[in-house]
Amino acid sequence: MTTAVCPLCHSDVIVDDEAYEHDLVTCANCMTDLEITSLTPLTLAALSEDESPA
C-alpha cells in the first residue's frame, strides 16, 4: 500500500499498489471521491459533483 495526500483536507489517503491511473479512491478523513491522476509521482484530484459516481 502507498499513500498520497488528499488535495482537499491534506490527510494521507491509502492507495492500493495495484491501482491504475484514473482509478477512484475515497479519502477516509473527508469522504471525498478522488481520482488517481498520476502514478509517478502518485497524485490525486478531487472529482467535481458532475463526475462523482452515483
C-alpha atoms as a PDB file:
ATOM      1  CA  MET A   1       0.000   0.000   0.000  1.00  0.00           C
ATOM      2  CA  THR A   2       1.079   3.516  -0.780  1.00  0.00           C
ATOM      3  CA  THR A   3      -0.218   6.855   0.452  1.00  0.00           C
ATOM      4  CA  ALA A   4      -0.917  10.126  -1.295  1.00  0.00           C
ATOM      5  CA  VAL A   5      -2.100  13.454   0.076  1.00  0.00           C
ATOM      6  CA  CYS A   6      -5.765  14.401  -0.232  1.00  0.00           C
ATOM      7  CA  PRO A   7      -5.910  17.683  -2.194  1.00  0.00           C
ATOM      8  CA  LEU A   8      -8.763  18.966  -0.015  1.00  0.00           C
ATOM      9  CA  CYS A   9      -8.009  18.049   3.601  1.00  0.00           C
ATOM     10  CA  HIS A  10      -4.303  17.129   3.243  1.00  0.00           C
ATOM     11  CA  SER A  11      -4.751  13.781   5.011  1.00  0.00           C
ATOM     12  CA  ASP A  12      -2.949  10.669   3.846  1.00  0.00           C
ATOM     13  CA  VAL A  13      -5.048   8.519   1.504  1.00  0.00           C
ATOM     14  CA  ILE A  14      -4.165   4.841   1.189  1.00  0.00           C
ATOM     15  CA  VAL A  15      -3.841   3.690  -2.427  1.00  0.00           C
ATOM     16  CA  ASP A  16      -3.515   0.033  -3.387  1.00  0.00           C
ATOM     17  CA  ASP A  17      -0.233  -0.877  -5.094  1.00  0.00           C
ATOM     18  CA  GLU A  18      -2.282  -2.464  -7.909  1.00  0.00           C
ATOM     19  CA  ALA A  19      -4.160   0.796  -8.641  1.00  0.00           C
ATOM     20  CA  TYR A  20      -4.115   2.333 -12.093  1.00  0.00           C
ATOM     21  CA  GLU A  21      -4.231   5.904 -13.326  1.00  0.00           C
ATOM     22  CA  HIS A  22      -7.866   7.179 -13.343  1.00  0.00           C
ATOM     23  CA  ASP A  23      -8.943   4.720 -10.623  1.00  0.00           C
ATOM     24  CA  LEU A  24     -11.099   6.176  -7.858  1.00  0.00           C
ATOM     25  CA  VAL A  25     -10.288   6.211  -4.155  1.00  0.00           C
ATOM     26  CA  THR A  26     -12.044   7.821  -1.209  1.00  0.00           C
ATOM     27  CA  CYS A  27     -10.401   9.926   1.461  1.00  0.00           C
ATOM     28  CA  ALA A  28     -11.236   8.349   4.833  1.00  0.00           C
ATOM     29  CA  ASN A  29     -10.988  11.739   6.564  1.00  0.00           C
ATOM     30  CA  CYS A  30     -13.239  13.974   4.415  1.00  0.00           C
ATOM     31  CA  MET A  31     -15.028  11.209   2.414  1.00  0.00           C
ATOM     32  CA  THR A  32     -14.248  12.925  -0.901  1.00  0.00           C
ATOM     33  CA  ASP A  33     -14.032  10.795  -4.041  1.00  0.00           C
ATOM     34  CA  LEU A  34     -10.617  11.237  -5.622  1.00  0.00           C
ATOM     35  CA  GLU A  35      -9.164  10.211  -8.966  1.00  0.00           C
ATOM     36  CA  ILE A  36      -5.594   8.999  -9.372  1.00  0.00           C
ATOM     37  CA  THR A  37      -4.205  11.469 -11.904  1.00  0.00           C
ATOM     38  CA  SER A  38      -0.623  10.213 -11.920  1.00  0.00           C
ATOM     39  CA  LEU A  39       1.214   7.167 -10.639  1.00  0.00           C
ATOM     40  CA  THR A  40       4.713   8.682 -10.740  1.00  0.00           C
ATOM     41  CA  PRO A  41       4.563  10.744  -8.610  1.00  0.00           C
ATOM     42  CA  LEU A  42       1.311   9.496  -7.056  1.00  0.00           C
ATOM     43  CA  THR A  43      -1.147  12.385  -7.209  1.00  0.00           C
ATOM     44  CA  LEU A  44      -4.872  12.664  -6.576  1.00  0.00           C
ATOM     45  CA  ALA A  45      -7.527  15.107  -7.767  1.00  0.00           C
ATOM     46  CA  ALA A  46     -10.988  15.691  -6.338  1.00  0.00           C
ATOM     47  CA  LEU A  47     -13.876  14.805  -8.615  1.00  0.00           C
ATOM     48  CA  SER A  48     -16.402  17.512  -9.343  1.00  0.00           C
ATOM     49  CA  GLU A  49     -20.002  16.726  -8.415  1.00  0.00           C
ATOM     50  CA  ASP A  50     -20.742  16.052 -12.109  1.00  0.00           C
ATOM     51  CA  GLU A  51     -18.073  13.328 -12.191  1.00  0.00           C
ATOM     52  CA  SER A  52     -18.880  11.629  -8.862  1.00  0.00           C
ATOM     53  CA  PRO A  53     -20.181   8.089  -9.120  1.00  0.00           C
ATOM     54  CA  ALA A  54     -23.897   7.772  -8.325  1.00  0.00           C
END
